[in-house]
Protein backbone atom coordinates (compact mmCIF):
# COMPACT_ATOMS: atom_id res chain seq x y z
CA MET A 1 0.00 0.00 0.00
CA LYS A 2 1.32 3.46 -0.91
CA LYS A 3 2.00 6.02 1.82
CA GLU A 4 -0.85 8.19 0.59
CA LYS A 5 -3.28 5.32 1.09
CA LEU A 6 -2.02 4.75 4.63
CA ILE A 7 -2.58 8.42 5.47
CA GLU A 8 -6.04 8.23 3.91
CA LEU A 9 -6.77 5.18 6.06
CA LEU A 10 -5.53 7.00 9.15
CA ASN A 11 -7.72 10.01 8.47
CA GLN A 12 -10.88 7.93 8.23
CA MET A 13 -10.31 6.25 11.62
CA THR A 14 -12.08 7.40 14.78
CA ILE A 15 -9.99 8.31 17.79
CA GLU A 16 -11.06 5.08 19.51
CA GLU A 17 -9.96 3.05 16.49
CA LYS A 18 -6.61 4.81 16.46
CA ILE A 19 -5.93 4.23 20.13
CA GLY A 20 -7.03 0.61 19.69
CA GLN A 21 -4.11 0.13 17.29
CA MET A 22 -1.85 1.22 20.14
CA LEU A 23 -3.00 -1.64 22.38
CA GLN A 24 -1.47 -5.12 22.52
CA ILE A 25 -3.26 -7.97 24.32
CA THR A 26 -3.20 -11.75 24.46
CA ALA A 27 -5.42 -13.79 22.17
CA ASP A 28 -7.73 -15.03 24.90
CA PRO A 29 -10.83 -13.07 23.81
CA PHE A 30 -10.58 -14.39 20.25
CA LYS A 31 -10.27 -18.03 21.19
CA LEU A 32 -13.58 -18.17 23.06
CA SER A 33 -17.08 -18.57 21.66
CA ASN A 34 -17.78 -15.01 22.78
CA SER A 35 -15.51 -12.08 23.54
CA SER A 36 -15.77 -12.15 27.33
CA ASP A 37 -12.16 -12.78 28.29
CA THR A 38 -11.17 -15.10 31.13
CA GLY A 39 -7.42 -15.11 30.45
CA PRO A 40 -4.63 -12.61 31.16
CA THR A 41 -6.64 -9.73 29.65
CA LYS A 42 -9.67 -10.18 31.92
CA ASP A 43 -8.66 -7.27 34.18
CA LEU A 44 -8.24 -4.78 31.31
CA ASN A 45 -12.01 -4.11 31.08
CA LEU A 46 -12.18 -4.32 27.31
CA THR A 47 -15.46 -4.22 25.42
CA ASP A 48 -16.07 -6.09 22.19
CA GLU A 49 -15.66 -2.80 20.33
CA ILE A 50 -12.20 -2.30 21.82
CA ILE A 51 -11.14 -5.91 21.27
CA TYR A 52 -11.90 -5.70 17.56
CA ASN A 53 -9.82 -2.55 17.20
CA VAL A 54 -6.63 -3.70 18.97
CA GLY A 55 -3.52 -3.54 16.84
CA SER A 56 -1.52 -6.58 17.89
CA ILE A 57 -1.63 -9.91 19.69
CA LEU A 58 0.97 -11.31 22.07
CA ASN A 59 2.49 -14.80 22.15
CA VAL A 60 0.02 -16.89 20.20
CA ALA A 61 1.09 -19.10 17.31
CA GLY A 62 0.00 -21.98 15.14
CA SER A 63 -1.24 -21.49 11.59
CA GLU A 64 -4.76 -22.72 12.30
CA THR A 65 -5.15 -20.59 15.44
CA VAL A 66 -3.66 -17.45 13.92
CA LYS A 67 -5.74 -17.69 10.76
CA SER A 68 -8.91 -18.20 12.80
CA ILE A 69 -8.17 -15.15 14.96
CA GLN A 70 -7.24 -12.98 11.99
CA ASP A 71 -10.38 -13.98 10.09
CA LYS A 72 -12.62 -13.33 13.08
CA TYR A 73 -10.95 -9.97 13.69
CA LEU A 74 -11.09 -8.75 10.08
CA ALA A 75 -14.76 -9.68 9.85
CA LYS A 76 -15.54 -7.25 12.68
CA ASN A 77 -12.93 -4.53 12.19
CA ARG A 78 -14.53 -1.61 10.32
CA ASN A 79 -11.32 -0.61 8.53
CA HIS A 80 -10.11 -4.15 7.83
CA ILE A 81 -6.70 -3.40 9.36
CA PRO A 82 -4.95 -6.73 9.99
CA LEU A 83 -3.59 -7.75 13.35
CA LEU A 84 0.13 -8.04 14.04
CA PHE A 85 1.11 -11.26 15.82
CA MET A 86 4.19 -10.84 18.02
CA GLY A 87 6.10 -13.35 20.10
CA ASP A 88 9.22 -14.10 22.13
CA ILE A 89 11.40 -16.33 19.97
CA ILE A 90 14.50 -16.18 22.14
CA ASN A 91 16.36 -19.44 21.53
CA GLY A 92 14.09 -21.09 19.03
CA TYR A 93 10.44 -21.63 18.20
CA LYS A 94 10.02 -25.42 18.24
CA THR A 95 13.56 -26.32 17.21
CA ILE A 96 15.40 -25.24 20.36
CA PHE A 97 18.90 -23.79 20.17
CA PRO A 98 21.31 -22.93 22.99
CA ILE A 99 20.28 -19.95 25.11
CA PRO A 100 21.57 -16.67 23.61
CA LEU A 101 24.38 -16.38 26.17
CA LEU A 102 25.68 -19.77 25.06
CA GLN A 103 25.17 -19.03 21.35
CA GLY A 104 27.56 -16.14 21.87
CA CYS A 105 30.17 -18.64 23.02
CA SER A 106 30.30 -20.06 19.50
CA TRP A 107 32.05 -16.90 18.24
CA ASP A 108 30.54 -17.84 14.88
CA LEU A 109 28.29 -15.31 13.11
CA ASP A 110 27.34 -17.83 10.43
CA LEU A 111 26.02 -20.30 12.99
CA ILE A 112 24.08 -17.59 14.84
CA SER A 113 22.63 -16.47 11.51
CA GLU A 114 21.62 -20.06 10.72
CA ALA A 115 19.86 -20.47 14.05
CA SER A 116 18.05 -17.13 13.63
CA SER A 117 16.92 -18.03 10.12
CA VAL A 118 15.50 -21.36 11.26
CA SER A 119 13.65 -19.64 14.11
CA ALA A 120 12.33 -16.95 11.75
CA LYS A 121 11.00 -19.48 9.26
CA GLU A 122 9.44 -21.73 11.89
CA CYS A 123 7.63 -18.93 13.71
CA GLY A 124 6.63 -17.27 10.42
CA TYR A 125 5.05 -20.43 9.04
CA SER A 126 3.13 -20.59 12.32
CA GLY A 127 1.76 -17.07 11.92
CA ILE A 128 4.10 -14.82 13.93
CA ASN A 129 5.05 -11.53 12.23
CA ALA A 130 7.36 -9.91 14.79
CA ASN A 131 9.84 -11.11 17.39
CA PHE A 132 10.83 -9.52 20.72
CA TYR A 133 14.50 -10.16 20.05
CA PRO A 134 17.46 -9.57 20.07
CA MET A 135 18.05 -8.85 23.74
CA VAL A 136 21.21 -6.74 23.63
CA ASP A 137 21.46 -5.76 27.29
CA ILE A 138 25.04 -5.64 28.56
CA VAL A 139 25.22 -7.81 31.70
CA ARG A 140 28.10 -7.71 34.15
CA ASP A 141 26.40 -9.14 37.22
CA ALA A 142 25.70 -12.86 36.99
CA ARG A 143 23.22 -12.63 39.86
CA TRP A 144 20.67 -11.08 37.46
CA GLY A 145 18.29 -13.76 36.23
CA ARG A 146 17.99 -12.62 32.62
CA VAL A 147 21.69 -12.92 31.84
CA LEU A 148 20.73 -16.07 29.89
CA GLU A 149 18.97 -13.94 27.23
CA SER A 150 21.92 -11.65 26.52
CA ILE A 151 23.60 -12.61 23.26
CA SER A 152 26.77 -10.69 24.09
CA GLY A 153 27.07 -10.93 27.87
CA GLU A 154 29.43 -8.22 29.06
CA ASP A 155 30.97 -7.20 25.73
CA PRO A 156 29.49 -4.30 23.67
CA TYR A 157 31.49 -5.12 20.54
CA LEU A 158 30.13 -8.66 20.42
CA GLY A 159 26.69 -7.19 21.08
CA CYS A 160 27.01 -5.15 17.89
CA LEU A 161 28.19 -8.08 15.77
CA TYR A 162 25.64 -10.57 17.06
CA SER A 163 22.66 -8.21 17.07
CA LYS A 164 23.27 -7.14 13.46
CA THR A 165 23.48 -10.79 12.44
CA ILE A 166 20.23 -11.68 14.22
CA VAL A 167 18.24 -8.69 12.92
CA ASN A 168 19.39 -9.28 9.35
CA SER A 169 18.52 -12.97 9.54
CA PHE A 170 14.97 -12.32 10.71
CA HIS A 171 14.53 -9.53 8.16
CA ARG A 172 15.55 -11.81 5.29
CA ASN A 173 12.61 -13.97 6.31
CA ASN A 174 10.12 -11.09 6.58
CA ILE A 175 9.96 -11.14 10.39
CA ALA A 176 10.22 -7.83 12.24
CA CYS A 177 12.41 -7.49 15.33
CA SER A 178 12.27 -5.57 18.59
CA ALA A 179 15.60 -4.77 20.23
CA LYS A 180 15.39 -4.73 24.02
CA HIS A 181 15.60 -3.49 26.72
CA PHE A 182 16.32 0.20 26.29
CA ILE A 183 18.41 0.79 28.34
CA GLY A 184 20.57 -0.54 31.15
CA TYR A 185 18.23 -3.33 32.28
CA GLY A 186 21.22 -5.63 32.80
CA ALA A 187 22.85 -3.08 35.11
CA VAL A 188 20.21 -3.26 37.85
CA GLU A 189 21.61 -2.57 41.29
CA SER A 190 22.78 -5.72 43.12
CA GLY A 191 21.56 -7.83 40.20
CA LYS A 192 18.00 -7.60 41.54
CA GLU A 193 15.23 -7.91 38.95
CA TYR A 194 13.39 -4.62 38.20
CA ASN A 195 15.74 -2.69 40.51
CA LYS A 196 16.99 0.83 39.83
CA VAL A 197 19.85 1.59 37.44
CA ASP A 198 22.40 4.38 37.80
CA ILE A 199 24.70 4.85 34.78
CA ASN A 200 26.91 7.84 34.03
CA ILE A 201 26.72 9.32 30.55
CA TYR A 202 30.14 8.02 29.49
CA ASP A 203 29.31 4.40 30.35
CA LEU A 204 25.85 4.73 28.82
CA TYR A 205 27.25 5.79 25.45
CA GLN A 206 30.40 3.70 25.53
CA TYR A 207 29.00 0.34 26.66
CA TYR A 208 25.21 0.18 26.73
CA LEU A 209 24.25 2.11 23.59
CA PRO A 210 26.39 0.62 20.75
CA ALA A 211 24.37 -2.57 20.18
CA PHE A 212 21.11 -0.59 20.03
CA LYS A 213 22.64 1.79 17.50
CA THR A 214 23.73 -1.21 15.44
CA CYS A 215 20.18 -2.57 15.54
CA ILE A 216 18.82 0.79 14.39
CA ASP A 217 21.39 0.98 11.59
CA SER A 218 20.27 -2.52 10.58
CA GLY A 219 16.67 -1.31 10.27
CA VAL A 220 15.17 -2.80 13.41
CA GLU A 221 11.45 -1.98 13.46
CA MET A 222 10.78 -1.82 17.20
CA ILE A 223 12.55 -1.02 20.45
CA MET A 224 11.27 -1.97 23.90
CA PRO A 225 12.08 0.25 26.90
CA SER A 226 13.24 -1.57 30.02
CA PHE A 227 11.22 -1.94 33.21
CA ASN A 228 13.79 -0.21 35.38
CA THR A 229 14.38 3.39 36.27
CA LEU A 230 17.43 5.04 34.71
CA ASN A 231 19.01 7.61 36.99
CA GLY A 232 15.71 7.95 38.84
CA ILE A 233 13.25 8.03 35.91
CA PRO A 234 11.37 4.94 34.59
CA CYS A 235 12.58 4.15 31.07
CA THR A 236 9.01 3.65 29.85
CA ALA A 237 8.22 7.35 30.32
CA ASN A 238 11.71 8.84 30.14
CA THR A 239 11.34 11.70 27.65
CA TRP A 240 15.07 12.41 27.45
CA LEU A 241 15.86 8.74 26.86
CA LEU A 242 13.16 7.91 24.32
CA GLN A 243 12.51 11.22 22.59
CA ASP A 244 15.82 13.07 22.74
CA LEU A 245 18.32 10.20 22.67
CA LEU A 246 16.51 7.43 20.80
CA ARG A 247 14.35 9.41 18.39
CA LYS A 248 16.49 12.49 17.73
CA GLN A 249 20.11 11.49 18.29
CA LEU A 250 19.86 7.92 17.01
CA ASN A 251 17.23 8.77 14.36
CA PHE A 252 14.96 5.89 15.33
CA ASN A 253 11.63 6.31 13.52
CA GLY A 254 10.18 2.90 14.29
CA ILE A 255 7.81 1.66 16.98
CA ILE A 256 8.51 1.95 20.69
CA ILE A 257 6.56 -0.79 22.44
CA SER A 258 6.24 -1.01 26.22
CA ASP A 259 7.14 -4.13 28.13
CA TYR A 260 4.38 -6.17 29.78
CA SER A 261 2.12 -3.77 31.73
CA ALA A 262 5.02 -1.33 32.08
CA ILE A 263 2.90 1.80 31.47
CA TYR A 264 0.48 0.91 34.26
CA GLU A 265 3.45 0.12 36.50
CA LEU A 266 4.54 3.75 36.33
CA ILE A 267 2.10 4.15 39.20
CA SER A 268 4.04 1.57 41.24
CA HIS A 269 7.23 3.47 40.46
CA GLY A 270 5.63 6.56 41.99
CA PHE A 271 6.19 8.36 38.69
CA ALA A 272 2.46 8.65 37.95
CA THR A 273 -0.42 9.13 40.36
CA ASN A 274 -3.03 7.37 38.23
CA GLU A 275 -3.64 5.69 34.87
CA SER A 276 -4.37 8.97 33.13
CA GLU A 277 -1.02 10.44 34.14
CA ALA A 278 0.80 7.21 33.26
CA ALA A 279 -0.72 7.26 29.77
CA LEU A 280 0.05 10.94 29.24
CA LYS A 281 3.70 10.65 30.29
CA SER A 282 4.26 7.55 28.15
CA LEU A 283 2.66 9.15 25.10
CA GLU A 284 4.76 12.28 25.54
CA ALA A 285 7.84 10.04 25.65
CA THR A 286 6.62 8.64 22.26
CA VAL A 287 5.72 5.11 23.37
CA ASP A 288 3.54 3.83 20.50
CA ILE A 289 2.19 0.49 21.75
CA GLU A 290 1.02 -0.37 25.26
CA MET A 291 1.48 -4.04 26.04
CA MET A 292 -0.98 -5.72 28.39
CA SER A 293 -2.29 -2.72 30.27
CA SER A 294 -5.09 -0.41 29.17
CA THR A 295 -4.23 3.12 30.26
CA TYR A 296 -4.16 4.42 26.68
CA ILE A 297 -7.51 3.05 25.60
CA HIS A 298 -9.32 4.11 28.77
CA THR A 299 -7.84 7.57 29.37
CA LEU A 300 -6.53 9.10 26.14
CA PRO A 301 -9.98 9.83 24.62
CA ASP A 302 -10.80 12.10 27.58
CA LEU A 303 -7.32 13.63 27.68
CA ILE A 304 -7.66 14.67 24.05
CA LYS A 305 -10.76 16.70 24.85
CA SER A 306 -8.68 19.03 27.01
CA ASN A 307 -5.47 18.81 24.97
CA LYS A 308 -5.95 18.67 21.20
CA ASN A 309 -2.19 18.45 20.63
CA LEU A 310 -2.28 14.86 21.86
CA GLU A 311 -4.17 13.74 18.78
CA GLU A 312 -1.19 14.64 16.60
CA LYS A 313 1.04 12.43 18.78
CA ILE A 314 -1.51 9.61 18.51
CA ASN A 315 -1.64 10.01 14.72
CA THR A 316 2.16 9.75 14.56
CA SER A 317 2.15 6.58 16.64
CA VAL A 318 -0.65 4.94 14.67
CA LEU A 319 1.06 5.77 11.38
CA ARG A 320 4.19 4.00 12.61
CA ILE A 321 2.10 0.92 13.41
CA LEU A 322 0.36 1.00 10.03
CA ASN A 323 3.73 1.44 8.32
CA LEU A 324 5.05 -1.74 9.93
CA LYS A 325 1.98 -3.72 8.90
CA ASN A 326 2.41 -2.35 5.41
CA LYS A 327 6.13 -3.18 5.34
CA LEU A 328 5.31 -6.79 6.23
CA GLY A 329 2.75 -6.91 3.41
CA LEU A 330 -0.18 -7.60 5.72
CA PHE A 331 -2.66 -5.33 3.93
CA GLU A 332 -2.28 -7.49 0.81
CA ASN A 333 -1.86 -10.76 2.71
CA PRO A 334 -3.02 -10.52 6.34
CA TYR A 335 -1.55 -13.94 7.15
CA GLY A 336 2.06 -12.96 6.47
CA ASN A 337 4.37 -15.98 6.15
CA LEU A 338 1.72 -18.32 7.55
CA ASN A 339 1.89 -21.66 5.75
CA PRO A 340 0.13 -24.75 7.18
CA GLU A 341 1.95 -27.17 4.89
CA LYS A 342 5.42 -25.84 5.65
CA GLU A 343 4.47 -25.66 9.31
CA LYS A 344 3.98 -29.43 9.21
CA THR A 345 7.06 -30.30 7.16
CA TYR A 346 9.64 -27.67 8.16
CA ILE A 347 9.25 -27.28 11.92
CA LEU A 348 11.59 -29.67 13.76
CA CYS A 349 12.68 -31.19 10.46
CA LYS A 350 15.92 -33.14 10.17
CA GLU A 351 17.89 -30.20 8.79
CA ASN A 352 16.76 -27.88 11.58
CA ARG A 353 17.77 -30.40 14.22
CA LYS A 354 21.09 -30.77 12.45
CA THR A 355 21.60 -27.01 12.64
CA ALA A 356 20.72 -27.03 16.34
CA ARG A 357 23.18 -29.84 16.94
CA LYS A 358 25.91 -27.99 15.07
CA ILE A 359 25.54 -24.72 16.97
CA SER A 360 25.24 -26.62 20.25
CA SER A 361 28.45 -28.55 19.81
CA ASN A 362 30.25 -25.34 18.84
CA SER A 363 28.91 -23.44 21.85
CA PHE A 364 29.73 -25.65 24.82
CA VAL A 365 32.51 -24.22 26.95
CA LEU A 366 35.23 -26.40 28.45
CA LEU A 367 36.25 -24.85 31.76
CA GLU A 368 38.57 -27.60 33.00
CA ASN A 369 40.32 -30.58 31.40
CA LYS A 370 42.99 -31.96 33.71
CA ASN A 371 45.52 -34.34 32.18
CA ASN A 372 43.53 -34.18 28.92
CA ILE A 373 40.98 -36.65 30.21
CA LEU A 374 38.69 -35.47 27.42
CA PRO A 375 37.90 -36.66 24.86
CA LEU A 376 37.10 -39.98 26.46
CA ASN A 377 37.86 -43.26 24.79
CA THR A 378 34.75 -45.25 23.95
CA LYS A 379 36.40 -48.19 25.69
CA HIS A 380 36.16 -46.37 29.00
CA LYS A 381 33.67 -47.96 31.33
CA ILE A 382 31.44 -45.08 32.38
CA CYS A 383 28.61 -44.43 34.76
CA LEU A 384 26.24 -41.45 34.73
CA ILE A 385 25.29 -39.84 38.04
CA GLY A 386 23.41 -36.71 39.03
CA PRO A 387 20.04 -34.93 38.87
CA TYR A 388 20.52 -33.90 35.23
CA SER A 389 21.39 -37.40 34.04
CA ASN A 390 17.82 -38.13 32.95
CA ASN A 391 16.11 -34.73 33.09
CA ILE A 392 14.10 -33.26 30.20
CA SER A 393 14.04 -29.67 31.54
CA LEU A 394 16.91 -28.51 29.37
CA SER A 395 15.41 -25.88 27.10
CA GLY A 396 15.83 -22.67 29.07
CA SER A 397 13.06 -20.56 30.54
CA TRP A 398 12.09 -18.82 27.28
CA SER A 399 11.24 -21.87 25.19
CA ILE A 400 7.60 -20.92 25.56
CA TYR A 401 6.36 -22.60 22.38
CA ASN A 402 7.78 -25.92 23.53
CA LYS A 403 6.59 -25.74 27.14
CA ASN A 404 6.32 -29.50 27.50
CA ASN A 405 9.91 -30.10 26.31
CA PHE A 406 8.44 -31.96 23.35
CA GLY A 407 10.82 -34.61 22.05
CA THR A 408 13.66 -33.71 24.42
CA VAL A 409 16.36 -36.36 24.56
CA THR A 410 17.95 -36.63 27.99
CA LEU A 411 21.67 -36.93 28.55
CA LYS A 412 21.24 -40.60 29.47
CA ASP A 413 19.30 -41.44 26.31
CA GLY A 414 21.71 -39.50 24.14
CA LEU A 415 24.68 -41.40 25.51
CA TYR A 416 22.82 -44.67 25.02
CA ASN A 417 22.31 -43.72 21.38
CA LYS A 418 26.01 -43.04 20.98
CA LEU A 419 27.31 -46.16 22.70
CA ASN A 420 24.58 -48.51 21.50
CA LYS A 421 24.68 -50.15 24.88
CA HIS A 422 23.35 -49.58 28.36
CA PHE A 423 25.50 -48.29 31.18
CA PRO A 424 24.69 -47.74 34.86
CA PHE A 425 23.18 -44.45 35.95
CA GLU A 426 21.72 -43.03 39.13
CA GLU A 427 20.07 -39.64 39.65
CA VAL A 428 20.64 -39.87 43.42
CA CYS A 429 18.85 -36.61 44.21
CA GLU A 430 16.68 -33.88 42.75
CA ILE A 431 18.20 -30.64 41.44
CA LEU A 432 17.16 -28.85 44.64
CA SER A 433 16.67 -30.04 48.18
CA LYS A 434 13.21 -29.76 49.66
CA GLU A 435 14.19 -26.62 51.57
CA GLU A 436 15.78 -24.98 48.51
CA LEU A 437 12.73 -25.75 46.39
CA TYR A 438 10.45 -24.21 49.02
CA ASN A 439 12.59 -21.05 49.01
CA LEU A 440 12.31 -20.90 45.22
CA ASP A 441 8.59 -21.62 45.13
CA PRO A 442 6.77 -21.18 48.50
CA SER A 443 3.57 -22.59 46.99
CA LYS A 444 5.23 -26.04 47.00
CA LYS A 445 5.21 -26.22 50.78
CA GLN A 446 1.83 -27.95 50.76
CA ASP A 447 2.99 -30.61 48.28
CA LYS A 448 3.69 -33.72 50.37
CA SER A 449 5.10 -35.58 47.36
CA LEU A 450 8.20 -33.38 47.58
CA ASP A 451 9.32 -34.81 50.91
CA ASN A 452 11.86 -37.00 49.08
CA LYS A 453 13.77 -34.06 47.61
CA ASN A 454 16.81 -34.64 49.80
CA ILE A 455 19.48 -37.25 49.10
CA ASN A 456 18.14 -40.75 49.57
CA LYS A 457 20.60 -43.05 51.38
CA ASN A 458 19.66 -46.01 49.19
CA ASN A 459 20.28 -43.95 46.06
CA ILE A 460 23.67 -42.73 47.23
CA HIS A 461 24.73 -46.29 48.08
CA SER A 462 23.65 -47.37 44.60
CA ALA A 463 25.59 -44.50 43.03
CA LEU A 464 28.73 -45.37 44.98
CA ASP A 465 28.44 -49.00 43.93
CA ILE A 466 28.22 -48.23 40.21
CA ALA A 467 30.94 -45.59 40.47
CA LYS A 468 33.36 -48.08 42.06
CA LYS A 469 32.90 -50.40 39.07
CA SER A 470 33.47 -47.66 36.48
CA ASP A 471 36.59 -46.11 34.97
CA VAL A 472 35.06 -42.62 34.70
CA ILE A 473 32.15 -40.89 36.43
CA ILE A 474 30.08 -38.51 34.30
CA LEU A 475 28.41 -36.19 36.78
CA ALA A 476 25.43 -34.16 35.52
CA LEU A 477 24.77 -31.11 37.73
CA GLY A 478 23.22 -27.68 37.38
CA GLU A 479 20.69 -25.02 38.28
CA HIS A 480 16.97 -25.61 38.43
CA TYR A 481 15.37 -24.06 35.33
CA LYS A 482 13.43 -21.69 37.60
CA GLN A 483 16.67 -20.34 39.04
CA SER A 484 17.40 -18.32 35.91
CA GLY A 485 15.18 -16.14 33.75
CA GLU A 486 12.92 -13.16 34.37
CA GLY A 487 12.26 -12.59 38.06
CA ALA A 488 14.92 -15.17 38.98
CA SER A 489 17.78 -13.14 40.39
CA ARG A 490 20.01 -14.97 42.86
CA SER A 491 22.20 -13.73 45.69
CA ASN A 492 24.05 -17.07 45.79
CA ILE A 493 25.24 -18.23 42.36
CA LYS A 494 26.78 -21.48 43.52
CA LEU A 495 25.32 -24.90 42.79
CA PRO A 496 22.53 -26.06 45.11
CA ASN A 497 23.86 -27.54 48.37
CA ILE A 498 22.33 -30.94 47.69
CA GLN A 499 24.51 -31.31 44.57
CA ILE A 500 27.68 -30.34 46.42
CA GLU A 501 26.84 -33.09 48.92
CA LEU A 502 26.57 -35.51 46.01
CA LEU A 503 29.98 -34.49 44.63
CA ASN A 504 31.56 -34.78 48.08
CA SER A 505 30.24 -38.30 48.48
CA LEU A 506 31.98 -39.35 45.22
CA LEU A 507 35.37 -37.73 45.83
CA PRO A 508 36.73 -40.39 48.26
CA LEU A 509 36.52 -42.97 45.44
CA ASN A 510 39.38 -41.20 43.63
CA LYS A 511 37.75 -41.86 40.28
CA PRO A 512 38.09 -39.42 37.35
CA ILE A 513 35.00 -37.18 37.27
CA VAL A 514 33.72 -35.39 34.16
CA CYS A 515 31.15 -32.79 35.23
CA ILE A 516 28.51 -31.64 32.74
CA LEU A 517 27.11 -28.37 34.08
CA PHE A 518 23.67 -27.06 33.08
CA SER A 519 22.81 -23.46 33.95
CA GLY A 520 21.31 -20.25 32.61
CA ARG A 521 24.06 -18.01 33.96
CA PRO A 522 27.76 -18.09 34.88
CA LEU A 523 28.09 -19.81 38.24
CA GLU A 524 30.71 -19.62 40.98
CA VAL A 525 32.23 -23.05 40.33
CA SER A 526 35.70 -22.83 41.86
CA TYR A 527 34.98 -25.70 44.26
CA ILE A 528 33.65 -27.85 41.41
CA ALA A 529 36.58 -27.02 39.13
CA ASN A 530 39.10 -27.84 41.86
CA ASN A 531 37.57 -31.24 42.56
CA VAL A 532 36.68 -32.66 39.14
CA ASP A 533 38.89 -33.66 36.24
CA ALA A 534 36.85 -32.00 33.50
CA LEU A 535 34.14 -29.35 33.62
CA LEU A 536 31.93 -28.64 30.59
CA TRP A 537 29.33 -25.84 30.71
CA VAL A 538 26.20 -26.42 28.64
CA ARG A 539 22.55 -25.39 28.48
CA ILE A 540 20.66 -26.88 25.58
CA SER A 541 17.64 -28.96 24.68
CA TRP A 542 17.78 -31.97 22.40
CA ASN A 543 14.90 -32.40 20.04
CA ARG A 544 13.14 -35.60 19.08
CA ARG A 545 14.87 -38.15 16.84
CA TRP A 546 18.42 -36.83 16.99
CA LYS A 547 21.28 -38.06 19.10
CA CYS A 548 22.59 -36.27 22.14
CA ASN A 549 24.88 -33.32 21.40
CA ILE A 550 27.06 -33.93 24.42
CA ARG A 551 28.25 -37.19 22.97
CA CYS A 552 30.26 -35.33 20.31
CA VAL A 553 32.16 -33.28 22.86
CA ILE A 554 32.86 -36.12 25.28
CA TRP A 555 34.11 -38.54 22.67
CA ASN A 556 36.49 -38.11 19.74
CA CYS A 557 36.15 -34.41 19.00
CA LYS A 558 39.41 -32.82 20.15
CA SER A 559 38.97 -29.60 18.17
CA LEU A 560 36.12 -28.50 20.44
CA TRP A 561 38.37 -28.13 23.44
CA LYS A 562 39.94 -24.95 22.13
CA ILE A 563 38.36 -22.00 23.88
CA LYS A 564 38.69 -18.85 21.79
CA TYR A 565 39.01 -15.37 23.22
């Protein structure tokens, strides 16, 4: 559609229709027989009229579902403006890749591009138009839970290289991107989630800004402000940050989209006294889309009556949204890349799993290898011990489209596939003790089935017996998946106590120990490293029908032991 037609469309819209385009909700109202929502949007007080004017939908996918929602929406939307479907494709859609932090350890732009292209195609065939990625926050405090999402970790130069590669890969497949979180989210005080951030101007420009500028230079369509305050002002309504720095200095003309309910949370920050003030301050800071709160739709119509200048700001925001829909070709084809046939044949196909395997085996980091114990000889008599020896929770906290770990191959099964023979294994204990699990999730205190979360004496005796008969112990340890991710900051970044107890029980045997470490963040592992013979850091999921990745780095693959800096 030509620009003139978009402006003509804008001019024929009512103010309610315009503001509706600035609202993003979940798909719950569209998936029911009527529009009365009972899902996450139930507290937003949205009428049918509002629901059928919203501009975008959050985290729903599947060609059949998306087509049904789009059809239902277009049938009731007066202007026939198609919905945008956005999602969080962080380390894969259905084919799961290493978490971004681990992908960065590959030092290979081609592999990262491959992974991004696979993710873009898979989510596109399933109906998603835009991705909330890359996450280019610089992170220098491993206590912060979302360090797992950072593609570059602590290095701004790598952030520039990796983010450009990711954005370009998604763009080649007609998927829009949203760089996040602008800015300094990874610098929260004490590593505490949603805490305040204080950054001097030099550090802001020198370290935290470069990757965002690279994304903008690469044509990124959206940028998401961070939840935190920056030097005392919430980023979501920080006029200097969003209008002066992002819009004017960096020449960003795309969409600024709030994080989940971040505009409403300006009240919690004490930066706004009510929803009306929160909406006004966010609009003045040029935030175009409000995600999962409804201050815009409920307060802006009245605010315009007393301040006509606001309508011009709304028009500018809505035109940006229409421009993105037009860029993606949705006015001509409201389904975007959606393709039911390719969804069936491409997602989790053999080639995609092969790509995942390749980037995985090039991402694992060898932290210790005493006396060159690795790679092991297949003639070694091994045993597998530890809570991650037969655990399917390997995907990382953001694999939201594969919540059930569909097709995950455990470490035990992968090694069986490699050796073509059974070997002894014993989990011994859970990832967390009962007490540690209660601290992580207080709601579990009423669950009596968790009383066996501590080390079982019978299990430890069994583990010691099989270890005595083996040449090498492979010890699978790591964090609980809930110990890293959003809202999962930790003051203690050591392994859970129950796993240290397990290691200590094996040490008197004086057997070589190869530790496979699963985590979503760097951990303080000095005690582990000092007491095992090899230490390999991983965090990856294995998809159905392909052999375990770890097998290629434990056996006969010497080149992978070179750590590049």
